[in-house]
Amino acid sequence: MAIQLGAHYSELDLSDKDIEGGRLNDVTLGLNWHLNPNTRVMLNYVHAGVDLSDINVKDGNADIFAMRFQVDL
């Protein structure tokens, strides 16, 4: 049995030439619990935010929780 922790940050510029899409930033925190060599449980939390201040639109945020159970036969 093992536990694995992970973190990830990313940025995405959604604007290009005539398209003003703002900027998207997200932070992901993850926990993997390896029950045995063939089985694991994965939990993720993602906080994403979009900055649209350049185009006079209200900014947006999202909080996402995800879980997956994986078996390798």
N, C-alpha and C. Protein backbone atom coordinates (compact mmCIF):
# COMPACT_ATOMS: atom_id res chain seq x y z
N MET A 1 0.85 -1.17 0.00
CA MET A 1 0.00 0.00 0.00
C MET A 1 0.90 1.23 0.00
N ALA A 2 0.53 2.24 -0.81
CA ALA A 2 1.31 3.47 -0.90
C ALA A 2 0.38 4.65 -1.15
N ILE A 3 0.83 5.82 -0.73
CA ILE A 3 0.09 7.06 -0.97
C ILE A 3 0.99 8.01 -1.75
N GLN A 4 0.43 8.64 -2.74
CA GLN A 4 1.18 9.55 -3.59
C GLN A 4 0.45 10.89 -3.64
N LEU A 5 1.18 12.00 -3.44
CA LEU A 5 0.61 13.34 -3.51
C LEU A 5 1.15 14.06 -4.73
N GLY A 6 0.32 14.93 -5.30
CA GLY A 6 0.77 15.67 -6.47
C GLY A 6 0.12 17.04 -6.52
N ALA A 7 0.78 17.98 -7.19
CA ALA A 7 0.26 19.32 -7.39
C ALA A 7 0.63 19.77 -8.80
N HIS A 8 -0.26 20.58 -9.39
CA HIS A 8 -0.03 21.04 -10.76
C HIS A 8 -0.62 22.44 -10.91
N TYR A 9 0.09 23.32 -11.60
CA TYR A 9 -0.40 24.66 -11.91
C TYR A 9 -0.28 24.88 -13.41
N SER A 10 -1.29 25.48 -14.01
CA SER A 10 -1.19 25.78 -15.44
C SER A 10 -1.87 27.11 -15.76
N GLU A 11 -1.41 27.72 -16.84
CA GLU A 11 -1.97 28.97 -17.37
C GLU A 11 -2.24 28.78 -18.84
N LEU A 12 -3.32 29.40 -19.31
CA LEU A 12 -3.66 29.32 -20.72
C LEU A 12 -4.15 30.69 -21.18
N ASP A 13 -3.52 31.24 -22.22
CA ASP A 13 -3.93 32.50 -22.81
C ASP A 13 -4.97 32.18 -23.88
N LEU A 14 -6.21 32.63 -23.67
CA LEU A 14 -7.30 32.31 -24.58
C LEU A 14 -7.53 33.37 -25.65
N SER A 15 -6.63 34.33 -25.74
CA SER A 15 -6.74 35.40 -26.74
C SER A 15 -5.81 35.11 -27.91
N ASP A 16 -6.29 35.47 -29.11
CA ASP A 16 -5.47 35.29 -30.31
C ASP A 16 -5.98 36.23 -31.39
N LYS A 17 -5.11 37.09 -31.90
CA LYS A 17 -5.45 38.05 -32.95
C LYS A 17 -6.72 38.82 -32.58
N ASP A 18 -7.82 38.60 -33.27
CA ASP A 18 -9.07 39.34 -33.03
C ASP A 18 -9.93 38.72 -31.93
N ILE A 19 -9.54 37.60 -31.37
CA ILE A 19 -10.33 36.92 -30.34
C ILE A 19 -9.79 37.30 -28.97
N GLU A 20 -10.65 37.89 -28.13
CA GLU A 20 -10.28 38.26 -26.76
C GLU A 20 -10.94 37.27 -25.80
N GLY A 21 -10.21 36.26 -25.39
CA GLY A 21 -10.78 35.22 -24.55
C GLY A 21 -10.34 35.26 -23.11
N GLY A 22 -9.40 36.15 -22.75
CA GLY A 22 -8.93 36.23 -21.37
C GLY A 22 -7.84 35.22 -21.08
N ARG A 23 -7.61 34.97 -19.79
CA ARG A 23 -6.58 34.02 -19.34
C ARG A 23 -7.22 33.03 -18.37
N LEU A 24 -6.87 31.78 -18.49
CA LEU A 24 -7.35 30.73 -17.60
C LEU A 24 -6.18 30.23 -16.77
N ASN A 25 -6.36 30.18 -15.46
CA ASN A 25 -5.36 29.65 -14.53
C ASN A 25 -6.02 28.55 -13.71
N ASP A 26 -5.30 27.46 -13.47
CA ASP A 26 -5.86 26.44 -12.58
C ASP A 26 -4.77 25.77 -11.75
N VAL A 27 -5.20 25.36 -10.56
CA VAL A 27 -4.35 24.62 -9.62
C VAL A 27 -5.03 23.29 -9.36
N THR A 28 -4.27 22.20 -9.47
CA THR A 28 -4.80 20.87 -9.20
C THR A 28 -3.99 20.24 -8.07
N LEU A 29 -4.71 19.69 -7.10
CA LEU A 29 -4.09 18.93 -6.01
C LEU A 29 -4.63 17.51 -6.10
N GLY A 30 -3.73 16.53 -6.04
CA GLY A 30 -4.16 15.15 -6.21
C GLY A 30 -3.62 14.23 -5.14
N LEU A 31 -4.37 13.17 -4.88
CA LEU A 31 -3.98 12.13 -3.94
C LEU A 31 -4.26 10.78 -4.61
N ASN A 32 -3.24 9.95 -4.73
CA ASN A 32 -3.38 8.59 -5.24
C ASN A 32 -3.11 7.61 -4.11
N TRP A 33 -4.02 6.68 -3.93
CA TRP A 33 -3.87 5.66 -2.89
C TRP A 33 -3.77 4.32 -3.62
N HIS A 34 -2.58 3.74 -3.62
CA HIS A 34 -2.32 2.46 -4.27
C HIS A 34 -2.61 1.35 -3.25
N LEU A 35 -3.74 0.68 -3.42
CA LEU A 35 -4.14 -0.38 -2.49
C LEU A 35 -3.28 -1.62 -2.65
N ASN A 36 -2.92 -1.95 -3.89
CA ASN A 36 -2.01 -3.04 -4.23
C ASN A 36 -1.45 -2.73 -5.62
N PRO A 37 -0.57 -3.54 -6.18
CA PRO A 37 0.02 -3.19 -7.48
C PRO A 37 -0.99 -3.02 -8.62
N ASN A 38 -2.21 -3.56 -8.47
CA ASN A 38 -3.20 -3.50 -9.55
C ASN A 38 -4.38 -2.58 -9.28
N THR A 39 -4.44 -1.95 -8.13
CA THR A 39 -5.62 -1.18 -7.75
C THR A 39 -5.22 0.14 -7.12
N ARG A 40 -5.91 1.22 -7.54
CA ARG A 40 -5.66 2.51 -6.91
C ARG A 40 -6.93 3.36 -6.91
N VAL A 41 -6.98 4.28 -5.96
CA VAL A 41 -8.05 5.26 -5.83
C VAL A 41 -7.41 6.62 -6.05
N MET A 42 -7.99 7.43 -6.94
CA MET A 42 -7.43 8.75 -7.26
C MET A 42 -8.44 9.83 -6.90
N LEU A 43 -8.00 10.82 -6.14
CA LEU A 43 -8.82 11.96 -5.76
C LEU A 43 -8.15 13.22 -6.26
N ASN A 44 -8.91 14.11 -6.89
CA ASN A 44 -8.36 15.37 -7.39
C ASN A 44 -9.27 16.53 -7.01
N TYR A 45 -8.64 17.66 -6.69
CA TYR A 45 -9.34 18.92 -6.50
C TYR A 45 -8.72 19.92 -7.46
N VAL A 46 -9.57 20.60 -8.23
CA VAL A 46 -9.10 21.60 -9.20
C VAL A 46 -9.80 22.92 -8.90
N HIS A 47 -9.01 23.98 -8.75
CA HIS A 47 -9.57 25.33 -8.66
C HIS A 47 -9.14 26.07 -9.91
N ALA A 48 -10.11 26.47 -10.72
CA ALA A 48 -9.83 27.16 -11.98
C ALA A 48 -10.45 28.54 -11.94
N GLY A 49 -9.75 29.48 -12.54
CA GLY A 49 -10.26 30.84 -12.62
C GLY A 49 -9.92 31.44 -13.95
N VAL A 50 -10.87 32.21 -14.49
CA VAL A 50 -10.63 32.88 -15.76
C VAL A 50 -10.66 34.38 -15.51
N ASP A 51 -9.66 35.08 -16.05
CA ASP A 51 -9.54 36.52 -15.92
C ASP A 51 -9.99 37.15 -17.23
N LEU A 52 -11.14 37.82 -17.18
CA LEU A 52 -11.71 38.44 -18.37
C LEU A 52 -11.72 39.96 -18.27
N SER A 53 -10.91 40.52 -17.37
CA SER A 53 -10.93 41.96 -17.12
C SER A 53 -10.55 42.77 -18.35
N ASP A 54 -9.75 42.20 -19.25
CA ASP A 54 -9.34 42.92 -20.46
C ASP A 54 -10.51 43.17 -21.41
N ILE A 55 -11.57 42.37 -21.29
CA ILE A 55 -12.70 42.52 -22.22
C ILE A 55 -13.98 42.95 -21.50
N ASN A 56 -13.83 43.50 -20.28
CA ASN A 56 -14.96 44.05 -19.51
C ASN A 56 -16.08 43.04 -19.27
N VAL A 57 -15.70 41.83 -18.93
CA VAL A 57 -16.67 40.78 -18.58
C VAL A 57 -16.29 40.28 -17.19
N LYS A 58 -17.30 39.88 -16.42
CA LYS A 58 -17.05 39.41 -15.06
C LYS A 58 -16.19 38.15 -15.08
N ASP A 59 -15.20 38.10 -14.18
CA ASP A 59 -14.34 36.91 -14.05
C ASP A 59 -15.16 35.72 -13.57
N GLY A 60 -14.64 34.53 -13.82
CA GLY A 60 -15.33 33.33 -13.39
C GLY A 60 -14.38 32.37 -12.67
N ASN A 61 -14.93 31.56 -11.77
CA ASN A 61 -14.17 30.56 -11.02
C ASN A 61 -14.93 29.25 -11.01
N ALA A 62 -14.20 28.17 -10.86
CA ALA A 62 -14.82 26.85 -10.73
C ALA A 62 -14.01 26.02 -9.76
N ASP A 63 -14.69 25.25 -8.92
CA ASP A 63 -14.07 24.28 -8.01
C ASP A 63 -14.58 22.91 -8.41
N ILE A 64 -13.65 22.00 -8.68
CA ILE A 64 -14.00 20.68 -9.20
C ILE A 64 -13.39 19.61 -8.29
N PHE A 65 -14.21 18.65 -7.89
CA PHE A 65 -13.74 17.48 -7.14
C PHE A 65 -13.96 16.26 -8.03
N ALA A 66 -12.94 15.43 -8.17
CA ALA A 66 -13.05 14.25 -9.02
C ALA A 66 -12.47 13.05 -8.28
N MET A 67 -13.07 11.88 -8.51
CA MET A 67 -12.59 10.63 -7.90
C MET A 67 -12.66 9.53 -8.95
N ARG A 68 -11.65 8.66 -8.93
CA ARG A 68 -11.64 7.52 -9.87
C ARG A 68 -11.07 6.31 -9.15
N PHE A 69 -11.66 5.18 -9.42
CA PHE A 69 -11.19 3.90 -8.91
C PHE A 69 -10.69 3.10 -10.10
N GLN A 70 -9.43 2.65 -10.06
CA GLN A 70 -8.85 1.98 -11.22
C GLN A 70 -8.35 0.59 -10.83
N VAL A 71 -8.67 -0.39 -11.68
CA VAL A 71 -8.21 -1.77 -11.50
C VAL A 71 -7.53 -2.18 -12.80
N ASP A 72 -6.31 -2.67 -12.71
CA ASP A 72 -5.56 -3.15 -13.87
C ASP A 72 -5.54 -4.67 -13.81
N LEU A 73 -6.25 -5.30 -14.73
CA LEU A 73 -6.35 -6.77 -14.73
C LEU A 73 -5.26 -7.43 -15.52
